[in-house]
PDB file of N, CA and C in Angstrom:
ATOM      1  N   MET A   1      34.050  25.726  18.753  1.00  0.00           N
ATOM      2  CA  MET A   1      33.514  25.001  17.634  1.00  0.00           C
ATOM      3  C   MET A   1      33.297  23.547  18.028  1.00  0.00           C
ATOM      4  N   ARG A   2      32.100  23.045  17.704  1.00  0.00           N
ATOM      5  CA  ARG A   2      31.769  21.664  18.033  1.00  0.00           C
ATOM      6  C   ARG A   2      32.199  20.741  16.915  1.00  0.00           C
ATOM      7  N   THR A   3      32.596  19.573  17.303  1.00  0.00           N
ATOM      8  CA  THR A   3      32.907  18.540  16.320  1.00  0.00           C
ATOM      9  C   THR A   3      32.096  17.304  16.665  1.00  0.00           C
ATOM     10  N   GLY A   4      31.999  16.408  15.742  1.00  0.00           N
ATOM     11  CA  GLY A   4      31.238  15.182  15.982  1.00  0.00           C
ATOM     12  C   GLY A   4      29.933  15.192  15.200  1.00  0.00           C
ATOM     13  N   ARG A   5      29.174  14.156  15.398  1.00  0.00           N
ATOM     14  CA  ARG A   5      27.918  14.014  14.663  1.00  0.00           C
ATOM     15  C   ARG A   5      26.823  14.866  15.250  1.00  0.00           C
ATOM     16  N   ARG A   6      26.024  15.406  14.371  1.00  0.00           N
ATOM     17  CA  ARG A   6      24.864  16.190  14.778  1.00  0.00           C
ATOM     18  C   ARG A   6      23.670  15.248  14.866  1.00  0.00           C
ATOM     19  N   VAL A   7      22.975  15.277  15.956  1.00  0.00           N
ATOM     20  CA  VAL A   7      21.792  14.446  16.131  1.00  0.00           C
ATOM     21  C   VAL A   7      20.593  15.242  15.636  1.00  0.00           C
ATOM     22  N   PRO A   8      19.848  14.695  14.650  1.00  0.00           N
ATOM     23  CA  PRO A   8      18.714  15.439  14.118  1.00  0.00           C
ATOM     24  C   PRO A   8      17.601  15.554  15.142  1.00  0.00           C
ATOM     25  N   SER A   9      16.895  16.661  15.076  1.00  0.00           N
ATOM     26  CA  SER A   9      15.766  16.843  15.980  1.00  0.00           C
ATOM     27  C   SER A   9      14.527  16.220  15.355  1.00  0.00           C
ATOM     28  N   VAL A  10      13.596  15.891  16.190  1.00  0.00           N
ATOM     29  CA  VAL A  10      12.334  15.328  15.731  1.00  0.00           C
ATOM     30  C   VAL A  10      11.259  16.366  16.004  1.00  0.00           C
ATOM     31  N   THR A  11      10.501  16.708  14.977  1.00  0.00           N
ATOM     32  CA  THR A  11       9.405  17.655  15.144  1.00  0.00           C
ATOM     33  C   THR A  11       8.119  17.022  14.662  1.00  0.00           C
ATOM     34  N   HIS A  12       7.027  17.460  15.201  1.00  0.00           N
ATOM     35  CA  HIS A  12       5.721  16.945  14.812  1.00  0.00           C
ATOM     36  C   HIS A  12       5.041  17.956  13.907  1.00  0.00           C
ATOM     37  N   SER A  13       4.463  17.487  12.818  1.00  0.00           N
ATOM     38  CA  SER A  13       3.739  18.367  11.913  1.00  0.00           C
ATOM     39  C   SER A  13       2.304  18.496  12.397  1.00  0.00           C
ATOM     40  N   ASP A  14       1.491  19.233  11.667  1.00  0.00           N
ATOM     41  CA  ASP A  14       0.082  19.387  12.018  1.00  0.00           C
ATOM     42  C   ASP A  14      -0.679  18.076  11.903  1.00  0.00           C
ATOM     43  N   ASP A  15      -0.220  17.180  11.059  1.00  0.00           N
ATOM     44  CA  ASP A  15      -0.871  15.887  10.857  1.00  0.00           C
ATOM     45  C   ASP A  15      -0.330  14.908  11.881  1.00  0.00           C
ATOM     46  N   PRO A  16      -1.171  14.440  12.807  1.00  0.00           N
ATOM     47  CA  PRO A  16      -0.664  13.540  13.841  1.00  0.00           C
ATOM     48  C   PRO A  16      -0.204  12.199  13.292  1.00  0.00           C
ATOM     49  N   GLN A  17      -0.574  11.847  12.061  1.00  0.00           N
ATOM     50  CA  GLN A  17      -0.155  10.591  11.467  1.00  0.00           C
ATOM     51  C   GLN A  17       1.283  10.647  10.957  1.00  0.00           C
ATOM     52  N   ARG A  18       1.875  11.830  10.863  1.00  0.00           N
ATOM     53  CA  ARG A  18       3.211  11.959  10.287  1.00  0.00           C
ATOM     54  C   ARG A  18       4.194  12.522  11.305  1.00  0.00           C
ATOM     55  N   ILE A  19       5.370  12.026  11.280  1.00  0.00           N
ATOM     56  CA  ILE A  19       6.458  12.524  12.120  1.00  0.00           C
ATOM     57  C   ILE A  19       7.621  12.832  11.184  1.00  0.00           C
ATOM     58  N   ARG A  20       8.272  13.942  11.386  1.00  0.00           N
ATOM     59  CA  ARG A  20       9.419  14.291  10.550  1.00  0.00           C
ATOM     60  C   ARG A  20      10.693  14.013  11.340  1.00  0.00           C
ATOM     61  N   SER A  21      11.535  13.194  10.787  1.00  0.00           N
ATOM     62  CA  SER A  21      12.807  12.859  11.392  1.00  0.00           C
ATOM     63  C   SER A  21      13.859  12.880  10.302  1.00  0.00           C
ATOM     64  N   ARG A  22      14.885  13.656  10.492  1.00  0.00           N
ATOM     65  CA  ARG A  22      15.945  13.793   9.498  1.00  0.00           C
ATOM     66  C   ARG A  22      15.403  14.306   8.172  1.00  0.00           C
ATOM     67  N   GLY A  23      14.291  15.045   8.225  1.00  0.00           N
ATOM     68  CA  GLY A  23      13.732  15.627   7.016  1.00  0.00           C
ATOM     69  C   GLY A  23      12.968  14.646   6.146  1.00  0.00           C
ATOM     70  N   VAL A  24      12.820  13.396   6.590  1.00  0.00           N
ATOM     71  CA  VAL A  24      12.116  12.383   5.817  1.00  0.00           C
ATOM     72  C   VAL A  24      10.811  12.067   6.526  1.00  0.00           C
ATOM     73  N   PRO A  25       9.662  12.174   5.818  1.00  0.00           N
ATOM     74  CA  PRO A  25       8.406  11.867   6.491  1.00  0.00           C
ATOM     75  C   PRO A  25       8.304  10.381   6.829  1.00  0.00           C
ATOM     76  N   VAL A  26       7.879  10.106   8.040  1.00  0.00           N
ATOM     77  CA  VAL A  26       7.649   8.743   8.486  1.00  0.00           C
ATOM     78  C   VAL A  26       6.159   8.658   8.775  1.00  0.00           C
ATOM     79  N   THR A  27       5.522   7.606   8.352  1.00  0.00           N
ATOM     80  CA  THR A  27       4.080   7.510   8.513  1.00  0.00           C
ATOM     81  C   THR A  27       3.694   6.257   9.266  1.00  0.00           C
ATOM     82  N   THR A  28       2.528   6.295   9.881  1.00  0.00           N
ATOM     83  CA  THR A  28       2.008   5.118  10.558  1.00  0.00           C
ATOM     84  C   THR A  28       1.121   4.316   9.619  1.00  0.00           C
ATOM     85  N   GLU A  29       0.965   4.778   8.388  1.00  0.00           N
ATOM     86  CA  GLU A  29       0.164   4.046   7.410  1.00  0.00           C
ATOM     87  C   GLU A  29       0.888   2.759   7.029  1.00  0.00           C
ATOM     88  N   PRO A  30       0.127   1.728   6.663  1.00  0.00           N
ATOM     89  CA  PRO A  30       0.752   0.458   6.283  1.00  0.00           C
ATOM     90  C   PRO A  30       1.733   0.636   5.124  1.00  0.00           C
ATOM     91  N   GLN A  31       2.834  -0.071   5.175  1.00  0.00           N
ATOM     92  CA  GLN A  31       3.841  -0.012   4.129  1.00  0.00           C
ATOM     93  C   GLN A  31       3.821  -1.248   3.242  1.00  0.00           C
ATOM     94  N   ARG A  32       3.050  -2.257   3.650  1.00  0.00           N
ATOM     95  CA  ARG A  32       2.931  -3.494   2.861  1.00  0.00           C
ATOM     96  C   ARG A  32       1.494  -3.994   2.903  1.00  0.00           C
ATOM     97  N   PHE A  33       1.066  -4.529   1.776  1.00  0.00           N
ATOM     98  CA  PHE A  33      -0.255  -5.141   1.675  1.00  0.00           C
ATOM     99  C   PHE A  33      -0.139  -6.446   0.911  1.00  0.00           C
ATOM    100  N   GLU A  34      -1.112  -7.311   1.101  1.00  0.00           N
ATOM    101  CA  GLU A  34      -1.300  -8.441   0.222  1.00  0.00           C
ATOM    102  C   GLU A  34      -2.457  -8.072  -0.688  1.00  0.00           C
ATOM    103  N   VAL A  35      -2.235  -8.105  -2.001  1.00  0.00           N
ATOM    104  CA  VAL A  35      -3.289  -7.841  -2.973  1.00  0.00           C
ATOM    105  C   VAL A  35      -3.825  -9.184  -3.429  1.00  0.00           C
ATOM    106  N   LEU A  36      -5.140  -9.341  -3.350  1.00  0.00           N
ATOM    107  CA  LEU A  36      -5.797 -10.573  -3.758  1.00  0.00           C
ATOM    108  C   LEU A  36      -6.672 -10.277  -4.965  1.00  0.00           C
ATOM    109  N   ILE A  37      -6.481 -11.005  -6.044  1.00  0.00           N
ATOM    110  CA  ILE A  37      -7.313 -10.875  -7.228  1.00  0.00           C
ATOM    111  C   ILE A  37      -8.372 -11.968  -7.130  1.00  0.00           C
ATOM    112  N   VAL A  38      -9.627 -11.563  -7.028  1.00  0.00           N
ATOM    113  CA  VAL A  38     -10.723 -12.503  -6.809  1.00  0.00           C
ATOM    114  C   VAL A  38     -11.830 -12.275  -7.833  1.00  0.00           C
ATOM    115  N   PRO A  39     -12.646 -13.303  -8.099  1.00  0.00           N
ATOM    116  CA  PRO A  39     -13.818 -13.104  -8.946  1.00  0.00           C
ATOM    117  C   PRO A  39     -14.775 -12.120  -8.262  1.00  0.00           C
ATOM    118  N   GLU A  40     -15.484 -11.311  -9.054  1.00  0.00           N
ATOM    119  CA  GLU A  40     -16.391 -10.324  -8.461  1.00  0.00           C
ATOM    120  C   GLU A  40     -17.413 -10.953  -7.528  1.00  0.00           C
ATOM    121  N   HIS A  41     -17.868 -12.176  -7.807  1.00  0.00           N
ATOM    122  CA  HIS A  41     -18.879 -12.803  -6.958  1.00  0.00           C
ATOM    123  C   HIS A  41     -18.344 -13.110  -5.562  1.00  0.00           C
ATOM    124  N   ALA A  42     -17.049 -13.004  -5.352  1.00  0.00           N
ATOM    125  CA  ALA A  42     -16.449 -13.256  -4.039  1.00  0.00           C
ATOM    126  C   ALA A  42     -16.399 -11.998  -3.183  1.00  0.00           C
ATOM    127  N   GLU A  43     -16.940 -10.880  -3.668  1.00  0.00           N
ATOM    128  CA  GLU A  43     -16.866  -9.607  -2.951  1.00  0.00           C
ATOM    129  C   GLU A  43     -17.395  -9.684  -1.522  1.00  0.00           C
ATOM    130  N   GLY A  44     -18.428 -10.469  -1.271  1.00  0.00           N
ATOM    131  CA  GLY A  44     -19.013 -10.511   0.058  1.00  0.00           C
ATOM    132  C   GLY A  44     -18.244 -11.351   1.054  1.00  0.00           C
ATOM    133  N   HIS A  45     -17.248 -12.069   0.613  1.00  0.00           N
ATOM    134  CA  HIS A  45     -16.491 -12.944   1.503  1.00  0.00           C
ATOM    135  C   HIS A  45     -15.747 -12.142   2.571  1.00  0.00           C
ATOM    136  N   ASP A  46     -15.568 -12.762   3.701  1.00  0.00           N
ATOM    137  CA  ASP A  46     -14.761 -12.202   4.774  1.00  0.00           C
ATOM    138  C   ASP A  46     -13.315 -12.101   4.282  1.00  0.00           C
ATOM    139  N   PRO A  47     -12.648 -10.965   4.526  1.00  0.00           N
ATOM    140  CA  PRO A  47     -11.267 -10.822   4.057  1.00  0.00           C
ATOM    141  C   PRO A  47     -10.341 -11.945   4.518  1.00  0.00           C
ATOM    142  N   GLY A  48     -10.629 -12.541   5.643  1.00  0.00           N
ATOM    143  CA  GLY A  48      -9.803 -13.637   6.135  1.00  0.00           C
ATOM    144  C   GLY A  48      -9.904 -14.900   5.299  1.00  0.00           C
ATOM    145  N   THR A  49     -11.008 -15.066   4.575  1.00  0.00           N
ATOM    146  CA  THR A  49     -11.195 -16.270   3.758  1.00  0.00           C
ATOM    147  C   THR A  49     -11.022 -16.003   2.264  1.00  0.00           C
ATOM    148  N   LEU A  50     -10.723 -14.770   1.888  1.00  0.00           N
ATOM    149  CA  LEU A  50     -10.575 -14.445   0.465  1.00  0.00           C
ATOM    150  C   LEU A  50      -9.443 -15.216  -0.202  1.00  0.00           C
ATOM    151  N   SER A  51      -8.413 -15.565   0.562  1.00  0.00           N
ATOM    152  CA  SER A  51      -7.297 -16.289  -0.049  1.00  0.00           C
ATOM    153  C   SER A  51      -7.740 -17.649  -0.579  1.00  0.00           C
ATOM    154  N   GLU A  52      -8.830 -18.180  -0.053  1.00  0.00           N
ATOM    155  CA  GLU A  52      -9.341 -19.466  -0.521  1.00  0.00           C
ATOM    156  C   GLU A  52      -9.905 -19.381  -1.937  1.00  0.00           C
ATOM    157  N   VAL A  53     -10.408 -18.199  -2.331  1.00  0.00           N
ATOM    158  CA  VAL A  53     -11.009 -18.041  -3.659  1.00  0.00           C
ATOM    159  C   VAL A  53     -10.163 -17.164  -4.582  1.00  0.00           C
ATOM    160  N   ALA A  54      -9.028 -16.680  -4.092  1.00  0.00           N
ATOM    161  CA  ALA A  54      -8.182 -15.790  -4.898  1.00  0.00           C
ATOM    162  C   ALA A  54      -7.577 -16.537  -6.081  1.00  0.00           C
ATOM    163  N   LEU A  55      -7.598 -15.884  -7.237  1.00  0.00           N
ATOM    164  CA  LEU A  55      -6.975 -16.443  -8.428  1.00  0.00           C
ATOM    165  C   LEU A  55      -5.481 -16.118  -8.454  1.00  0.00           C
ATOM    166  N   ARG A  56      -5.131 -15.028  -7.785  1.00  0.00           N
ATOM    167  CA  ARG A  56      -3.730 -14.615  -7.686  1.00  0.00           C
ATOM    168  C   ARG A  56      -3.583 -13.726  -6.467  1.00  0.00           C
ATOM    169  N   SER A  57      -2.431 -13.784  -5.856  1.00  0.00           N
ATOM    170  CA  SER A  57      -2.126 -12.889  -4.742  1.00  0.00           C
ATOM    171  C   SER A  57      -0.676 -12.457  -4.856  1.00  0.00           C
ATOM    172  N   ALA A  58      -0.384 -11.318  -4.268  1.00  0.00           N
ATOM    173  CA  ALA A  58       0.982 -10.796  -4.293  1.00  0.00           C
ATOM    174  C   ALA A  58       1.201  -9.893  -3.093  1.00  0.00           C
ATOM    175  N   LEU A  59       2.411  -9.922  -2.560  1.00  0.00           N
ATOM    176  CA  LEU A  59       2.794  -8.981  -1.518  1.00  0.00           C
ATOM    177  C   LEU A  59       3.363  -7.751  -2.201  1.00  0.00           C
ATOM    178  N   VAL A  60       2.813  -6.590  -1.863  1.00  0.00           N
ATOM    179  CA  VAL A  60       3.285  -5.337  -2.448  1.00  0.00           C
ATOM    180  C   VAL A  60       3.761  -4.426  -1.333  1.00  0.00           C
ATOM    181  N   ALA A  61       4.775  -3.629  -1.632  1.00  0.00           N
ATOM    182  CA  ALA A  61       5.352  -2.715  -0.649  1.00  0.00           C
ATOM    183  C   ALA A  61       5.300  -1.298  -1.195  1.00  0.00           C
ATOM    184  N   ALA A  62       5.234  -0.342  -0.297  1.00  0.00           N
ATOM    185  CA  ALA A  62       5.201   1.069  -0.684  1.00  0.00           C
ATOM    186  C   ALA A  62       6.467   1.423  -1.454  1.00  0.00           C
ATOM    187  N   THR A  63       6.287   2.154  -2.558  1.00  0.00           N
ATOM    188  CA  THR A  63       7.428   2.568  -3.370  1.00  0.00           C
ATOM    189  C   THR A  63       7.921   3.955  -2.988  1.00  0.00           C
ATOM    190  N   GLY A  64       7.110   4.701  -2.242  1.00  0.00           N
ATOM    191  CA  GLY A  64       7.452   6.078  -1.911  1.00  0.00           C
ATOM    192  C   GLY A  64       6.952   7.056  -2.958  1.00  0.00           C
ATOM    193  N   GLU A  65       6.359   6.539  -4.024  1.00  0.00           N
ATOM    194  CA  GLU A  65       5.817   7.381  -5.088  1.00  0.00           C
ATOM    195  C   GLU A  65       4.318   7.535  -4.905  1.00  0.00           C
ATOM    196  N   THR A  66       3.774   8.574  -5.537  1.00  0.00           N
ATOM    197  CA  THR A  66       2.335   8.764  -5.610  1.00  0.00           C
ATOM    198  C   THR A  66       1.913   8.413  -7.015  1.00  0.00           C
ATOM    199  N   GLY A  67       0.887   7.586  -7.135  1.00  0.00           N
ATOM    200  CA  GLY A  67       0.422   7.169  -8.450  1.00  0.00           C
ATOM    201  C   GLY A  67      -0.412   8.240  -9.128  1.00  0.00           C
ATOM    202  N   ALA A  68      -0.797   7.984 -10.361  1.00  0.00           N
ATOM    203  CA  ALA A  68      -1.609   8.918 -11.134  1.00  0.00           C
ATOM    204  C   ALA A  68      -2.951   9.181 -10.458  1.00  0.00           C
ATOM    205  N   SER A  69      -3.421   8.231  -9.659  1.00  0.00           N
ATOM    206  CA  SER A  69      -4.694   8.386  -8.958  1.00  0.00           C
ATOM    207  C   SER A  69      -4.590   9.351  -7.776  1.00  0.00           C
ATOM    208  N   GLY A  70      -3.350   9.680  -7.377  1.00  0.00           N
ATOM    209  CA  GLY A  70      -3.143  10.551  -6.225  1.00  0.00           C
ATOM    210  C   GLY A  70      -2.923   9.796  -4.922  1.00  0.00           C
ATOM    211  N   TYR A  71      -2.949   8.483  -4.987  1.00  0.00           N
ATOM    212  CA  TYR A  71      -2.747   7.650  -3.798  1.00  0.00           C
ATOM    213  C   TYR A  71      -1.360   7.020  -3.827  1.00  0.00           C
ATOM    214  N   PRO A  72      -0.865   6.576  -2.661  1.00  0.00           N
ATOM    215  CA  PRO A  72       0.457   5.953  -2.618  1.00  0.00           C
ATOM    216  C   PRO A  72       0.535   4.723  -3.522  1.00  0.00           C
ATOM    217  N   ARG A  73       1.707   4.556  -4.141  1.00  0.00           N
ATOM    218  CA  ARG A  73       1.925   3.419  -5.050  1.00  0.00           C
ATOM    219  C   ARG A  73       2.621   2.302  -4.296  1.00  0.00           C
ATOM    220  N   PHE A  74       2.150   1.078  -4.553  1.00  0.00           N
ATOM    221  CA  PHE A  74       2.709  -0.130  -3.978  1.00  0.00           C
ATOM    222  C   PHE A  74       3.044  -1.063  -5.129  1.00  0.00           C
ATOM    223  N   ALA A  75       4.124  -1.825  -5.012  1.00  0.00           N
ATOM    224  CA  ALA A  75       4.518  -2.720  -6.101  1.00  0.00           C
ATOM    225  C   ALA A  75       5.188  -3.965  -5.550  1.00  0.00           C
ATOM    226  N   GLY A  76       5.028  -5.058  -6.315  1.00  0.00           N
ATOM    227  CA  GLY A  76       5.688  -6.308  -5.976  1.00  0.00           C
ATOM    228  C   GLY A  76       5.062  -7.478  -6.701  1.00  0.00           C
ATOM    229  N   GLU A  77       5.887  -8.465  -7.035  1.00  0.00           N
ATOM    230  CA  GLU A  77       5.448  -9.716  -7.638  1.00  0.00           C
ATOM    231  C   GLU A  77       4.582  -9.502  -8.884  1.00  0.00           C
ATOM    232  N   GLY A  78       4.927  -8.516  -9.705  1.00  0.00           N
ATOM    233  CA  GLY A  78       4.213  -8.282 -10.956  1.00  0.00           C
ATOM    234  C   GLY A  78       2.985  -7.404 -10.838  1.00  0.00           C
ATOM    235  N   ILE A  79       2.677  -6.936  -9.640  1.00  0.00           N
ATOM    236  CA  ILE A  79       1.506  -6.088  -9.436  1.00  0.00           C
ATOM    237  C   ILE A  79       1.952  -4.698  -9.008  1.00  0.00           C
ATOM    238  N   VAL A  80       1.363  -3.686  -9.648  1.00  0.00           N
ATOM    239  CA  VAL A  80       1.561  -2.290  -9.266  1.00  0.00           C
ATOM    240  C   VAL A  80       0.181  -1.746  -8.941  1.00  0.00           C
ATOM    241  N   ALA A  81       0.015  -1.210  -7.736  1.00  0.00           N
ATOM    242  CA  ALA A  81      -1.300  -0.746  -7.299  1.00  0.00           C
ATOM    243  C   ALA A  81      -1.198   0.581  -6.569  1.00  0.00           C
ATOM    244  N   ASP A  82      -2.157   1.465  -6.849  1.00  0.00           N
ATOM    245  CA  ASP A  82      -2.332   2.683  -6.068  1.00  0.00           C
ATOM    246  C   ASP A  82      -3.406   2.344  -5.041  1.00  0.00           C
ATOM    247  N   ILE A  83      -3.037   2.409  -3.754  1.00  0.00           N
ATOM    248  CA  ILE A  83      -3.934   1.976  -2.683  1.00  0.00           C
ATOM    249  C   ILE A  83      -4.169   3.128  -1.719  1.00  0.00           C
ATOM    250  N   ASP A  84      -5.438   3.359  -1.385  1.00  0.00           N
ATOM    251  CA  ASP A  84      -5.797   4.327  -0.356  1.00  0.00           C
ATOM    252  C   ASP A  84      -5.599   3.625   0.985  1.00  0.00           C
ATOM    253  N   PRO A  85      -4.560   3.997   1.736  1.00  0.00           N
ATOM    254  CA  PRO A  85      -4.273   3.283   2.985  1.00  0.00           C
ATOM    255  C   PRO A  85      -5.367   3.442   4.041  1.00  0.00           C
ATOM    256  N   ALA A  86      -6.119   4.537   3.978  1.00  0.00           N
ATOM    257  CA  ALA A  86      -7.156   4.770   4.981  1.00  0.00           C
ATOM    258  C   ALA A  86      -8.350   3.833   4.798  1.00  0.00           C
ATOM    259  N   THR A  87      -8.747   3.596   3.545  1.00  0.00           N
ATOM    260  CA  THR A  87      -9.929   2.776   3.278  1.00  0.00           C
ATOM    261  C   THR A  87      -9.588   1.385   2.765  1.00  0.00           C
ATOM    262  N   ARG A  88      -8.308   1.134   2.487  1.00  0.00           N
ATOM    263  CA  ARG A  88      -7.842  -0.138   1.915  1.00  0.00           C
ATOM    264  C   ARG A  88      -8.485  -0.400   0.552  1.00  0.00           C
ATOM    265  N   THR A  89      -8.704   0.671  -0.220  1.00  0.00           N
ATOM    266  CA  THR A  89      -9.303   0.571  -1.542  1.00  0.00           C
ATOM    267  C   THR A  89      -8.224   0.636  -2.604  1.00  0.00           C
ATOM    268  N   VAL A  90      -8.277  -0.268  -3.573  1.00  0.00           N
ATOM    269  CA  VAL A  90      -7.356  -0.237  -4.708  1.00  0.00           C
ATOM    270  C   VAL A  90      -7.927   0.756  -5.713  1.00  0.00           C
ATOM    271  N   GLU A  91      -7.203   1.837  -5.948  1.00  0.00           N
ATOM    272  CA  GLU A  91      -7.671   2.896  -6.836  1.00  0.00           C
ATOM    273  C   GLU A  91      -7.179   2.724  -8.267  1.00  0.00           C
ATOM    274  N   ALA A  92      -6.059   2.051  -8.464  1.00  0.00           N
ATOM    275  CA  ALA A  92      -5.512   1.763  -9.796  1.00  0.00           C
ATOM    276  C   ALA A  92      -4.692   0.487  -9.675  1.00  0.00           C
ATOM    277  N   LEU A  93      -4.664  -0.299 -10.762  1.00  0.00           N
ATOM    278  CA  LEU A  93      -4.008  -1.600 -10.671  1.00  0.00           C
ATOM    279  C   LEU A  93      -3.507  -2.056 -12.033  1.00  0.00           C
ATOM    280  N   LEU A  94      -2.275  -2.543 -12.057  1.00  0.00           N
ATOM    281  CA  LEU A  94      -1.715  -3.215 -13.228  1.00  0.00           C
ATOM    282  C   LEU A  94      -1.203  -4.575 -12.775  1.00  0.00           C
ATOM    283  N   ILE A  95      -1.528  -5.600 -13.564  1.00  0.00           N
ATOM    284  CA  ILE A  95      -1.049  -6.948 -13.302  1.00  0.00           C
ATOM    285  C   ILE A  95      -0.172  -7.336 -14.473  1.00  0.00           C
ATOM    286  N   ASP A  96       1.103  -7.551 -14.217  1.00  0.00           N
ATOM    287  CA  ASP A  96       2.067  -7.854 -15.279  1.00  0.00           C
ATOM    288  C   ASP A  96       1.973  -6.828 -16.414  1.00  0.00           C
ATOM    289  N   GLY A  97       1.754  -5.553 -16.054  1.00  0.00           N
ATOM    290  CA  GLY A  97       1.712  -4.457 -17.027  1.00  0.00           C
ATOM    291  C   GLY A  97       0.378  -4.255 -17.706  1.00  0.00           C
ATOM    292  N   SER A  98      -0.629  -5.064 -17.388  1.00  0.00           N
ATOM    293  CA  SER A  98      -1.949  -4.948 -18.022  1.00  0.00           C
ATOM    294  C   SER A  98      -3.016  -4.630 -16.979  1.00  0.00           C
ATOM    295  N   GLU A  99      -4.129  -4.045 -17.473  1.00  0.00           N
ATOM    296  CA  GLU A  99      -5.246  -3.766 -16.585  1.00  0.00           C
ATOM    297  C   GLU A  99      -5.942  -5.066 -16.192  1.00  0.00           C
ATOM    298  N   ILE A 100      -6.663  -5.010 -15.107  1.00  0.00           N
ATOM    299  CA  ILE A 100      -7.372  -6.187 -14.605  1.00  0.00           C
ATOM    300  C   ILE A 100      -8.509  -6.554 -15.564  1.00  0.00           C
ATOM    301  N   ASP A 101      -8.745  -7.841 -15.729  1.00  0.00           N
ATOM    302  CA  ASP A 101      -9.814  -8.323 -16.607  1.00  0.00           C
ATOM    303  C   ASP A 101     -11.186  -8.050 -15.990  1.00  0.00           C
ATOM    304  N   TYR A 102     -12.200  -7.891 -16.867  1.00  0.00           N
ATOM    305  CA  TYR A 102     -13.578  -7.752 -16.394  1.00  0.00           C
ATOM    306  C   TYR A 102     -13.966  -8.999 -15.619  1.00  0.00           C
ATOM    307  N   GLY A 103     -14.765  -8.795 -14.603  1.00  0.00           N
ATOM    308  CA  GLY A 103     -15.214  -9.922 -13.789  1.00  0.00           C
ATOM    309  C   GLY A 103     -14.298 -10.224 -12.618  1.00  0.00           C
ATOM    310  N   LEU A 104     -13.179  -9.511 -12.534  1.00  0.00           N
ATOM    311  CA  LEU A 104     -12.251  -9.697 -11.418  1.00  0.00           C
ATOM    312  C   LEU A 104     -12.225  -8.441 -10.563  1.00  0.00           C
ATOM    313  N   SER A 105     -11.862  -8.616  -9.328  1.00  0.00           N
ATOM    314  CA  SER A 105     -11.795  -7.517  -8.377  1.00  0.00           C
ATOM    315  C   SER A 105     -10.517  -7.656  -7.555  1.00  0.00           C
ATOM    316  N   ALA A 106     -10.003  -6.549  -7.074  1.00  0.00           N
ATOM    317  CA  ALA A 106      -8.801  -6.562  -6.231  1.00  0.00           C
ATOM    318  C   ALA A 106      -9.183  -6.193  -4.807  1.00  0.00           C
ATOM    319  N   ARG A 107      -8.716  -6.978  -3.870  1.00  0.00           N
ATOM    320  CA  ARG A 107      -8.919  -6.711  -2.449  1.00  0.00           C
ATOM    321  C   ARG A 107      -7.554  -6.673  -1.781  1.00  0.00           C
ATOM    322  N   VAL A 108      -7.452  -5.968  -0.670  1.00  0.00           N
ATOM    323  CA  VAL A 108      -6.166  -5.884   0.023  1.00  0.00           C
ATOM    324  C   VAL A 108      -6.324  -6.270   1.487  1.00  0.00           C
ATOM    325  N   ARG A 109      -5.236  -6.827   2.003  1.00  0.00           N
ATOM    326  CA  ARG A 109      -5.115  -7.122   3.430  1.00  0.00           C
ATOM    327  C   ARG A 109      -3.785  -6.543   3.895  1.00  0.00           C
ATOM    328  N   GLU A 110      -3.793  -5.938   5.078  1.00  0.00           N
ATOM    329  CA  GLU A 110      -2.560  -5.398   5.635  1.00  0.00           C
ATOM    330  C   GLU A 110      -1.652  -6.552   6.043  1.00  0.00           C
ATOM    331  N   VAL A 111      -0.357  -6.382   5.775  1.00  0.00           N
ATOM    332  CA  VAL A 111       0.639  -7.361   6.157  1.00  0.00           C
ATOM    333  C   VAL A 111       1.480  -6.743   7.256  1.00  0.00           C
ATOM    334  N   GLY A 112       1.964  -7.536   8.184  1.00  0.00           N
ATOM    335  CA  GLY A 112       2.783  -7.032   9.285  1.00  0.00           C
ATOM    336  C   GLY A 112       3.858  -6.079   8.842  1.00  0.00           C
ATOM    337  N   ARG A 113       4.157  -5.126   9.694  1.00  0.00           N
ATOM    338  CA  ARG A 113       5.115  -4.067   9.363  1.00  0.00           C
ATOM    339  C   ARG A 113       6.531  -4.546   9.470  1.00  0.00           C
TER     340      ARG A 113
END
């Protein structure tokens, strides 16, 4: 009979983006984003300069939940957003518990892991 700690095995699933370790999925998808709330007329701006015209910004982190939109949920600093990590598209958004006002748009930038 063996005693001591059991070292979990690592297996790869069919999806190369996911690795299973200790039964918990680990992903290479971003876990943090900066959400920038900008006027719609700023849509054409380079993402690097959007912070200059942003009316509000917040750092959001993955919650581990899936939102009603079917995309991963991110939350932080009063913002809750369902973000498609592949396209960096905000699919659903609440700011301080309310929907975004007309004339505003949400953009995201990946933040270091």
